[in-house]
Amino acid sequence: MTKSSGDDLQPATKLVAAGRRPEWTGTPGQPGSVVNPAVWRASTHLYPDMAAHKAGPRTNEDGRFFYGRRGAPTQWALAEALTQLEPGAHGTMLYPSGVAAIAAALITVLRPGDVLLMTDNAYEPSRAMARGLLADMGVETRWFDPLDIAAFDAAICERTRAVLLETPGSLTLEVQDVPALSAIAKARGVTVLLDNTWASALGFPALTRGADIAIMSLTKHVGGHSDLMMGSASASADLYARLRRTAQQLGHVVSPDDAALALRGLRTMGLRLAQETASALAIAQWLEARPEVSHVLCPMLPGSPGHAIWTRDFTGGCGLFSFVMNGGSADARDALIDALTLFGIGYSWGGFESLATPVDPAALRTATRWPLPGMNPADRFGVRLSIGLEDTGDLIADLDGGLAAWRAAGASA
């Protein structure tokens, strides 16, 4: 949805006000309205007469009824709200999952014979997409060290058409210098796509930092309650038109019920992110002081890798970070996770509940190695935490019990 007025508002106000057009929250010709856009469940859109029917195909924009695949006020309101939250965006497309958003954005800018550069710390489904869908299309993917700007410059060739960045990486949390990488890419005519799910536009205004397309898994922070799947891609006018065309040709549409849930989650996202970020930083500081822990991979933590760039480029964080055990075994690490009672074991993050999953990225690396440079090779086994809205002290106590289980498992090995 293209953006309307309200660009001078602060993000907290936009979270409340964006996407609430009077024509989507009221009945034309009738006084008054409701707070939230209604859930418009509709496959068929009706025309008042044949003149309107003939005009329908010639006007392809949100806000105009055509057919269910182009959405209705519920989806339009969400898309417009996301556009207003992304400085520099002309419009936003919605997709049935975050992976669908990544796939559709890549398909939009890549053709057979093209080369895609992908950061080596990318989300595993993105890597799988490169090996599968994109390879089948005739697109060659080359991976690069997310922290090596010179190597990235050298990796661009005459066939390079796009680069997929992710900052911080969702497992190992490296913070890329997006402005520097984007400047190099744009000087060579390469489109920059950024998976911006970790910080969202509230914490990292991707387009103003150099990205051409900002992608998010709305499943995470926007939904916020672990009850929907959705993705988005926001871009400037030209790329937005191309994203829209690709999405419509693929038949992408999101459920109005899910769009309503995402809108509801969006209204409180700022408050949730602030609480999760504060708790995550406190827990990261506690873990940093523990002898069982070798490294805390959290760019919000002073002194940690990437903190300087995070401080320079980001305006906020989130509750997702990882830590690496001081030696030990995979079984001991698994014992730690099994001992946790307040952390669920499950994929995803950004919900109201805390999660813990193992981090074993060695098999997911192509251009770099795990453990990372500067780490003891014996310190291989990590844990990724998604910090929710529970009391910080309770979560620390739970982790303390997990570390005791890790010690016991190591002693009995």
Protein backbone atom coordinates (compact mmCIF):
# COMPACT_ATOMS: atom_id res chain seq x y z
CA MET A 1 0.00 0.00 0.00
CA THR A 2 1.40 3.42 -0.86
CA LYS A 3 1.83 5.72 2.07
CA SER A 4 -0.51 8.49 3.11
CA SER A 5 0.00 11.40 5.51
CA GLY A 6 1.71 11.06 8.89
CA ASP A 7 5.38 11.00 7.86
CA ASP A 8 6.19 13.63 10.51
CA LEU A 9 4.93 11.47 13.37
CA GLN A 10 7.20 9.58 15.73
CA PRO A 11 7.33 5.74 15.45
CA ALA A 12 5.31 5.17 18.63
CA THR A 13 2.51 7.32 17.27
CA LYS A 14 2.66 5.67 13.86
CA LEU A 15 2.27 2.26 15.50
CA VAL A 16 -1.05 3.44 16.88
CA ALA A 17 -2.33 5.57 14.00
CA ALA A 18 -1.01 4.01 10.79
CA GLY A 19 -3.43 2.19 8.51
CA ARG A 20 -6.56 3.48 10.24
CA ARG A 21 -8.10 5.42 7.35
CA PRO A 22 -11.69 6.52 8.01
CA GLU A 23 -12.92 4.70 4.90
CA TRP A 24 -11.53 1.45 6.35
CA THR A 25 -12.87 1.90 9.90
CA GLY A 26 -16.33 3.28 9.14
CA THR A 27 -19.29 2.98 6.80
CA PRO A 28 -19.47 5.51 3.94
CA GLY A 29 -22.28 8.02 4.47
CA GLN A 30 -22.71 7.06 8.11
CA PRO A 31 -21.35 8.99 11.10
CA GLY A 32 -18.73 7.47 13.40
CA SER A 33 -16.27 4.62 13.03
CA VAL A 34 -14.54 1.84 14.95
CA VAL A 35 -10.95 1.69 16.19
CA ASN A 36 -9.75 -1.25 14.10
CA PRO A 37 -10.40 -2.00 10.43
CA ALA A 38 -12.94 -4.80 10.19
CA VAL A 39 -12.00 -8.27 9.01
CA TRP A 40 -13.09 -8.29 5.36
CA ARG A 41 -13.42 -11.93 4.34
CA ALA A 42 -14.08 -11.81 0.62
CA SER A 43 -13.04 -13.69 -2.48
CA THR A 44 -15.51 -11.93 -4.79
CA HIS A 45 -15.65 -8.16 -5.08
CA LEU A 46 -18.81 -6.76 -6.67
CA TYR A 47 -18.99 -3.90 -9.17
CA PRO A 48 -21.88 -1.41 -9.19
CA ASP A 49 -22.10 -1.41 -12.98
CA MET A 50 -20.31 -2.46 -16.18
CA ALA A 51 -18.38 0.80 -16.41
CA ALA A 52 -16.74 0.05 -13.07
CA HIS A 53 -16.16 -3.55 -14.12
CA LYS A 54 -14.29 -2.42 -17.22
CA ALA A 55 -12.23 0.08 -15.24
CA GLY A 56 -11.20 -2.48 -12.60
CA PRO A 57 -8.30 -4.16 -14.45
CA ARG A 58 -6.83 -0.78 -15.42
CA THR A 59 -6.32 0.36 -11.81
CA ASN A 60 -4.04 -1.94 -9.84
CA GLU A 61 -3.59 -0.37 -6.42
CA ASP A 62 -4.64 -0.98 -2.84
CA GLY A 63 -7.79 0.83 -1.84
CA ARG A 64 -9.67 -0.27 -4.97
CA PHE A 65 -11.75 -3.43 -4.99
CA PHE A 66 -11.05 -5.90 -7.77
CA TYR A 67 -10.80 -9.51 -6.57
CA GLY A 68 -9.86 -11.23 -3.33
CA ARG A 69 -6.25 -11.84 -4.35
CA ARG A 70 -5.64 -8.09 -4.29
CA GLY A 71 -6.87 -7.85 -0.74
CA ALA A 72 -9.44 -5.65 0.96
CA PRO A 73 -9.33 -3.03 3.74
CA THR A 74 -7.88 -5.40 6.37
CA GLN A 75 -4.83 -6.26 4.27
CA TRP A 76 -4.54 -2.74 2.85
CA ALA A 77 -4.47 -1.24 6.34
CA LEU A 78 -1.63 -3.52 7.44
CA ALA A 79 0.41 -2.86 4.29
CA GLU A 80 -0.04 0.88 4.64
CA ALA A 81 0.95 0.82 8.31
CA LEU A 82 4.15 -1.08 7.51
CA THR A 83 4.95 1.36 4.71
CA GLN A 84 4.55 4.31 7.04
CA LEU A 85 6.92 2.68 9.53
CA GLU A 86 9.67 2.17 6.91
CA PRO A 87 11.26 5.55 6.04
CA GLY A 88 11.77 5.86 2.30
CA ALA A 89 9.25 3.17 1.37
CA HIS A 90 6.62 3.78 -1.30
CA GLY A 91 4.73 0.56 -0.67
CA THR A 92 4.69 -2.84 1.04
CA MET A 93 3.66 -6.26 -0.21
CA LEU A 94 2.37 -8.96 2.14
CA TYR A 95 3.18 -12.66 1.84
CA PRO A 96 1.97 -15.83 3.59
CA SER A 97 5.31 -16.28 5.43
CA GLY A 98 8.68 -14.66 5.89
CA VAL A 99 10.29 -17.25 3.60
CA ALA A 100 7.68 -16.46 0.93
CA ALA A 101 8.66 -12.78 1.21
CA ILE A 102 12.35 -13.61 0.72
CA ALA A 103 11.59 -15.90 -2.22
CA ALA A 104 9.28 -13.45 -3.96
CA ALA A 105 11.72 -10.56 -3.53
CA LEU A 106 14.60 -12.60 -4.94
CA ILE A 107 12.53 -13.84 -7.87
CA THR A 108 11.58 -10.25 -8.61
CA VAL A 109 15.16 -9.09 -9.16
CA LEU A 110 16.91 -12.25 -10.44
CA ARG A 111 16.88 -13.99 -13.83
CA PRO A 112 18.55 -17.16 -15.18
CA GLY A 113 22.29 -16.65 -15.49
CA ASP A 114 22.44 -14.05 -12.71
CA VAL A 115 24.68 -14.27 -9.66
CA LEU A 116 23.31 -13.67 -6.16
CA LEU A 117 25.68 -12.82 -3.33
CA MET A 118 24.37 -14.11 0.00
CA THR A 119 25.79 -13.36 3.42
CA ASP A 120 27.27 -16.48 4.99
CA ASN A 121 25.30 -15.98 8.21
CA ALA A 122 21.96 -16.02 6.39
CA TYR A 123 18.84 -17.73 7.73
CA GLU A 124 18.99 -21.43 6.80
CA PRO A 125 15.78 -21.34 4.67
CA SER A 126 17.42 -18.60 2.60
CA ARG A 127 20.44 -20.84 2.05
CA ALA A 128 18.18 -23.76 1.17
CA MET A 129 16.37 -21.52 -1.33
CA ALA A 130 19.69 -20.72 -2.99
CA ARG A 131 20.60 -24.39 -3.31
CA GLY A 132 17.13 -25.39 -4.51
CA LEU A 133 14.67 -22.95 -6.05
CA LEU A 134 17.21 -20.41 -7.29
CA ALA A 135 19.62 -23.06 -8.59
CA ASP A 136 16.74 -24.65 -10.49
CA MET A 137 16.05 -21.23 -12.03
CA GLY A 138 19.64 -20.99 -13.23
CA VAL A 139 20.72 -18.46 -10.61
CA GLU A 140 24.17 -18.99 -9.12
CA THR A 141 24.61 -18.12 -5.43
CA ARG A 142 27.96 -17.19 -3.97
CA TRP A 143 28.41 -16.74 -0.21
CA PHE A 144 30.58 -14.09 1.39
CA ASP A 145 31.96 -13.30 4.84
CA PRO A 146 29.45 -10.85 6.36
CA LEU A 147 32.26 -8.85 7.98
CA ASP A 148 34.78 -8.71 5.11
CA ILE A 149 33.94 -5.63 3.06
CA ALA A 150 36.94 -5.98 0.73
CA ALA A 151 36.06 -9.60 -0.04
CA PHE A 152 32.49 -8.56 -0.78
CA ASP A 153 33.71 -5.93 -3.24
CA ALA A 154 35.94 -8.49 -4.93
CA ALA A 155 33.11 -11.02 -5.16
CA ILE A 156 30.93 -8.79 -7.37
CA CYS A 157 31.18 -9.75 -11.04
CA GLU A 158 29.50 -8.65 -14.25
CA ARG A 159 26.69 -11.17 -13.65
CA THR A 160 25.97 -10.12 -10.05
CA ARG A 161 22.47 -8.68 -9.86
CA ALA A 162 21.55 -8.84 -6.18
CA VAL A 163 22.89 -9.29 -2.68
CA LEU A 164 20.97 -10.65 0.32
CA LEU A 165 22.08 -9.22 3.65
CA GLU A 166 20.93 -10.14 7.16
CA THR A 167 21.96 -8.08 10.14
CA PRO A 168 22.45 -9.28 12.75
CA GLY A 169 22.57 -12.89 11.59
CA SER A 170 19.80 -14.85 13.23
CA LEU A 171 22.11 -17.47 14.76
CA THR A 172 25.55 -15.94 15.25
CA LEU A 173 24.51 -12.26 15.38
CA GLU A 174 27.25 -10.70 13.24
CA VAL A 175 26.42 -7.07 12.51
CA GLN A 176 27.07 -6.10 8.91
CA ASP A 177 28.10 -2.61 7.80
CA VAL A 178 24.99 -2.16 5.65
CA PRO A 179 25.77 1.40 4.51
CA ALA A 180 29.26 0.41 3.33
CA LEU A 181 28.13 -2.81 1.63
CA SER A 182 25.16 -1.07 0.02
CA ALA A 183 27.31 1.73 -1.35
CA ILE A 184 29.62 -0.81 -3.00
CA ALA A 185 26.68 -2.75 -4.42
CA LYS A 186 24.85 0.29 -5.77
CA ALA A 187 28.01 1.62 -7.44
CA ARG A 188 28.05 -1.65 -9.40
CA GLY A 189 24.33 -1.73 -10.19
CA VAL A 190 23.55 -4.50 -7.69
CA THR A 191 20.17 -4.54 -5.88
CA VAL A 192 20.42 -4.80 -2.09
CA LEU A 193 17.87 -6.93 -0.25
CA LEU A 194 17.95 -6.99 3.55
CA ASP A 195 16.28 -9.43 5.91
CA ASN A 196 15.46 -6.89 8.61
CA THR A 197 13.43 -9.14 10.89
CA TRP A 198 15.74 -8.86 13.94
CA ALA A 199 15.41 -5.11 14.50
CA SER A 200 12.44 -4.25 12.26
CA ALA A 201 12.08 -0.74 10.87
CA LEU A 202 11.75 0.50 14.47
CA GLY A 203 15.33 -0.49 15.24
CA PHE A 204 16.95 -0.28 11.80
CA PRO A 205 15.50 1.93 9.03
CA ALA A 206 16.78 -0.32 6.27
CA LEU A 207 16.03 1.79 3.19
CA THR A 208 17.66 4.91 4.61
CA ARG A 209 20.72 2.79 5.50
CA GLY A 210 21.15 1.73 1.88
CA ALA A 211 18.93 -1.31 1.28
CA ASP A 212 16.65 -1.33 -1.77
CA ILE A 213 14.16 -3.87 -0.41
CA ALA A 214 13.47 -4.35 3.32
CA ILE A 215 12.11 -7.81 4.15
CA MET A 216 10.55 -8.91 7.44
CA SER A 217 9.02 -12.03 8.85
CA LEU A 218 5.89 -10.56 10.39
CA THR A 219 5.51 -13.91 12.14
CA LYS A 220 8.02 -12.57 14.66
CA HIS A 221 7.76 -9.12 16.27
CA VAL A 222 4.76 -7.76 14.37
CA GLY A 223 2.54 -10.72 15.18
CA GLY A 224 4.15 -11.01 18.57
CA HIS A 225 1.92 -13.79 19.89
CA SER A 226 3.12 -16.91 18.02
CA ASP A 227 -0.22 -17.37 16.30
CA LEU A 228 0.26 -16.28 12.69
CA MET A 229 2.57 -16.70 9.69
CA MET A 230 3.27 -13.72 7.42
CA GLY A 231 6.03 -11.79 5.68
CA SER A 232 6.49 -8.40 4.05
CA ALA A 233 8.72 -6.55 1.61
CA SER A 234 8.88 -2.75 1.47
CA ALA A 235 10.55 -0.76 -1.29
CA SER A 236 10.68 2.48 -3.25
CA ALA A 237 8.22 3.10 -6.10
CA ASP A 238 9.94 1.24 -8.94
CA LEU A 239 10.83 -1.86 -6.99
CA TYR A 240 7.49 -1.87 -5.22
CA ALA A 241 5.72 -2.02 -8.59
CA ARG A 242 7.90 -4.99 -9.55
CA LEU A 243 7.31 -6.72 -6.20
CA ARG A 244 3.56 -6.24 -6.65
CA ARG A 245 3.57 -7.69 -10.15
CA THR A 246 5.56 -10.76 -9.06
CA ALA A 247 3.37 -11.37 -6.00
CA GLN A 248 0.18 -11.14 -8.05
CA GLN A 249 1.52 -13.48 -10.72
CA LEU A 250 2.45 -15.98 -8.00
CA GLY A 251 -1.03 -15.61 -6.51
CA HIS A 252 0.27 -14.47 -3.13
CA VAL A 253 -2.37 -13.23 -0.70
CA VAL A 254 -2.61 -13.26 3.08
CA SER A 255 -5.64 -14.19 5.13
CA PRO A 256 -7.68 -11.17 6.34
CA ASP A 257 -7.94 -12.86 9.74
CA ASP A 258 -4.15 -13.10 9.95
CA ALA A 259 -3.83 -9.50 8.74
CA ALA A 260 -6.13 -8.41 11.57
CA LEU A 261 -3.96 -10.31 14.08
CA ALA A 262 -0.83 -8.69 12.66
CA LEU A 263 -2.43 -5.25 12.92
CA ARG A 264 -3.31 -5.95 16.54
CA GLY A 265 0.23 -7.06 17.27
CA LEU A 266 1.67 -4.04 15.50
CA ARG A 267 -0.04 -1.64 17.90
CA THR A 268 1.95 -2.94 20.89
CA MET A 269 5.16 -3.92 19.09
CA GLY A 270 7.14 -0.93 20.34
CA LEU A 271 6.35 -1.66 23.98
CA ARG A 272 7.09 -5.37 23.59
CA LEU A 273 10.39 -4.73 21.81
CA ALA A 274 11.49 -2.29 24.49
CA GLN A 275 10.78 -4.78 27.29
CA GLU A 276 12.33 -7.74 25.46
CA THR A 277 15.43 -5.70 24.61
CA ALA A 278 15.93 -4.56 28.19
CA SER A 279 15.51 -8.10 29.52
CA ALA A 280 17.80 -9.55 26.85
CA LEU A 281 20.56 -7.08 27.67
CA ALA A 282 20.31 -7.83 31.39
CA ILE A 283 20.43 -11.58 30.74
CA ALA A 284 23.33 -11.20 28.29
CA GLN A 285 25.29 -9.28 30.93
CA TRP A 286 24.57 -12.00 33.48
CA LEU A 287 25.69 -14.74 31.10
CA GLU A 288 28.85 -12.81 30.22
CA ALA A 289 29.99 -13.13 33.83
CA ARG A 290 29.37 -16.88 34.04
CA PRO A 291 32.42 -19.20 33.84
CA GLU A 292 30.38 -21.80 31.94
CA VAL A 293 29.96 -19.35 29.06
CA SER A 294 32.73 -18.63 26.57
CA HIS A 295 31.10 -15.96 24.40
CA VAL A 296 27.87 -14.00 24.41
CA LEU A 297 26.83 -13.11 20.87
CA CYS A 298 24.69 -10.03 21.47
CA PRO A 299 25.48 -6.82 19.58
CA MET A 300 23.60 -4.75 22.15
CA LEU A 301 26.16 -5.80 24.78
CA PRO A 302 28.99 -3.27 25.20
CA GLY A 303 32.29 -4.78 24.13
CA SER A 304 30.72 -7.58 22.12
CA PRO A 305 31.49 -8.07 18.41
CA GLY A 306 29.46 -5.67 16.27
CA HIS A 307 28.52 -3.34 19.12
CA ALA A 308 30.18 -0.30 17.56
CA ILE A 309 28.24 -0.64 14.29
CA TRP A 310 25.07 -1.47 16.20
CA THR A 311 25.45 1.73 18.23
CA ARG A 312 26.12 3.75 15.07
CA ASP A 313 23.36 2.39 12.82
CA PHE A 314 20.59 0.98 15.01
CA THR A 315 17.94 2.75 17.03
CA GLY A 316 16.71 -0.36 18.85
CA GLY A 317 17.19 -4.06 19.37
CA CYS A 318 15.18 -7.13 20.28
CA GLY A 319 15.25 -10.15 22.53
CA LEU A 320 17.17 -12.53 20.24
CA PHE A 321 20.80 -13.42 20.97
CA SER A 322 23.07 -16.45 21.41
CA PHE A 323 25.75 -17.64 23.78
CA VAL A 324 28.51 -20.24 23.40
CA MET A 325 29.47 -22.73 26.05
CA ASN A 326 32.98 -22.94 27.47
CA GLY A 327 33.87 -26.31 26.00
CA GLY A 328 31.61 -29.21 26.85
CA SER A 329 29.66 -31.46 24.53
CA ALA A 330 26.48 -31.36 22.49
CA ASP A 331 24.87 -33.65 25.06
CA ALA A 332 25.75 -31.26 27.89
CA ARG A 333 24.34 -28.34 25.93
CA ASP A 334 21.16 -30.32 25.29
CA ALA A 335 20.93 -31.07 29.02
CA LEU A 336 21.06 -27.34 29.68
CA ILE A 337 18.14 -26.69 27.36
CA ASP A 338 16.15 -29.65 28.68
CA ALA A 339 16.51 -28.32 32.24
CA LEU A 340 14.87 -25.00 31.40
CA THR A 341 11.27 -24.68 32.54
CA LEU A 342 10.38 -21.14 31.40
CA PHE A 343 11.95 -21.42 27.95
CA GLY A 344 10.14 -23.43 25.32
CA ILE A 345 12.10 -25.43 22.75
CA GLY A 346 10.90 -24.29 19.36
CA TYR A 347 11.73 -22.41 16.21
CA SER A 348 10.78 -18.79 15.61
CA TRP A 349 11.19 -15.87 18.01
CA GLY A 350 9.71 -12.48 18.75
CA GLY A 351 6.68 -13.85 20.60
CA PHE A 352 5.62 -13.03 24.14
CA GLU A 353 7.15 -16.29 25.40
CA SER A 354 10.84 -17.14 25.77
CA LEU A 355 12.46 -19.84 23.65
CA ALA A 356 15.78 -21.70 23.61
CA THR A 357 17.25 -23.66 20.71
CA PRO A 358 20.70 -25.18 20.00
CA VAL A 359 23.16 -23.31 17.79
CA ASP A 360 25.35 -25.54 15.61
CA PRO A 361 26.22 -23.39 12.58
CA ALA A 362 29.33 -25.28 11.38
CA ALA A 363 27.36 -27.12 8.69
CA LEU A 364 25.70 -23.87 7.58
CA ARG A 365 28.93 -22.09 6.61
CA THR A 366 30.48 -21.79 3.18
CA ALA A 367 32.71 -18.70 3.13
CA THR A 368 33.50 -18.65 6.85
CA ARG A 369 34.15 -21.11 9.65
CA TRP A 370 32.58 -21.93 12.99
CA PRO A 371 33.78 -21.37 15.66
CA LEU A 372 34.34 -17.74 14.67
CA PRO A 373 37.86 -16.24 14.57
CA GLY A 374 39.12 -15.53 18.05
CA MET A 375 37.09 -18.34 19.58
CA ASN A 376 38.60 -21.48 21.08
CA PRO A 377 37.94 -24.36 18.64
CA ALA A 378 36.63 -26.38 21.59
CA ASP A 379 33.91 -23.80 22.20
CA ARG A 380 31.55 -25.10 19.53
CA PHE A 381 28.18 -25.53 21.15
CA GLY A 382 25.80 -22.62 21.47
CA VAL A 383 22.30 -21.78 22.62
CA ARG A 384 20.04 -19.20 21.02
CA LEU A 385 17.61 -17.40 23.28
CA SER A 386 14.50 -15.49 22.34
CA ILE A 387 13.64 -13.43 25.39
CA GLY A 388 9.93 -12.85 25.94
CA LEU A 389 7.91 -10.88 28.43
CA GLU A 390 8.47 -12.98 31.54
CA ASP A 391 10.13 -11.44 34.59
CA THR A 392 13.87 -11.03 33.95
CA GLY A 393 14.84 -12.41 37.35
CA ASP A 394 12.76 -15.52 36.81
CA LEU A 395 14.44 -16.13 33.44
CA ILE A 396 17.90 -15.71 34.96
CA ALA A 397 17.04 -18.16 37.73
CA ASP A 398 15.86 -20.64 35.10
CA LEU A 399 19.10 -20.26 33.15
CA ASP A 400 21.06 -20.71 36.36
CA GLY A 401 19.40 -24.10 36.74
CA GLY A 402 20.22 -24.90 33.12
CA LEU A 403 23.90 -24.11 33.67
CA ALA A 404 23.88 -26.41 36.72
CA ALA A 405 22.52 -29.17 34.48
CA TRP A 406 25.30 -28.44 31.97
CA ARG A 407 27.94 -28.79 34.69
CA ALA A 408 26.42 -32.03 35.91
CA ALA A 409 26.28 -33.47 32.42
CA GLY A 410 29.93 -32.56 31.86
CA ALA A 411 31.01 -34.07 35.15
CA SER A 412 29.23 -37.35 34.41
CA ALA A 413 30.55 -37.62 30.83
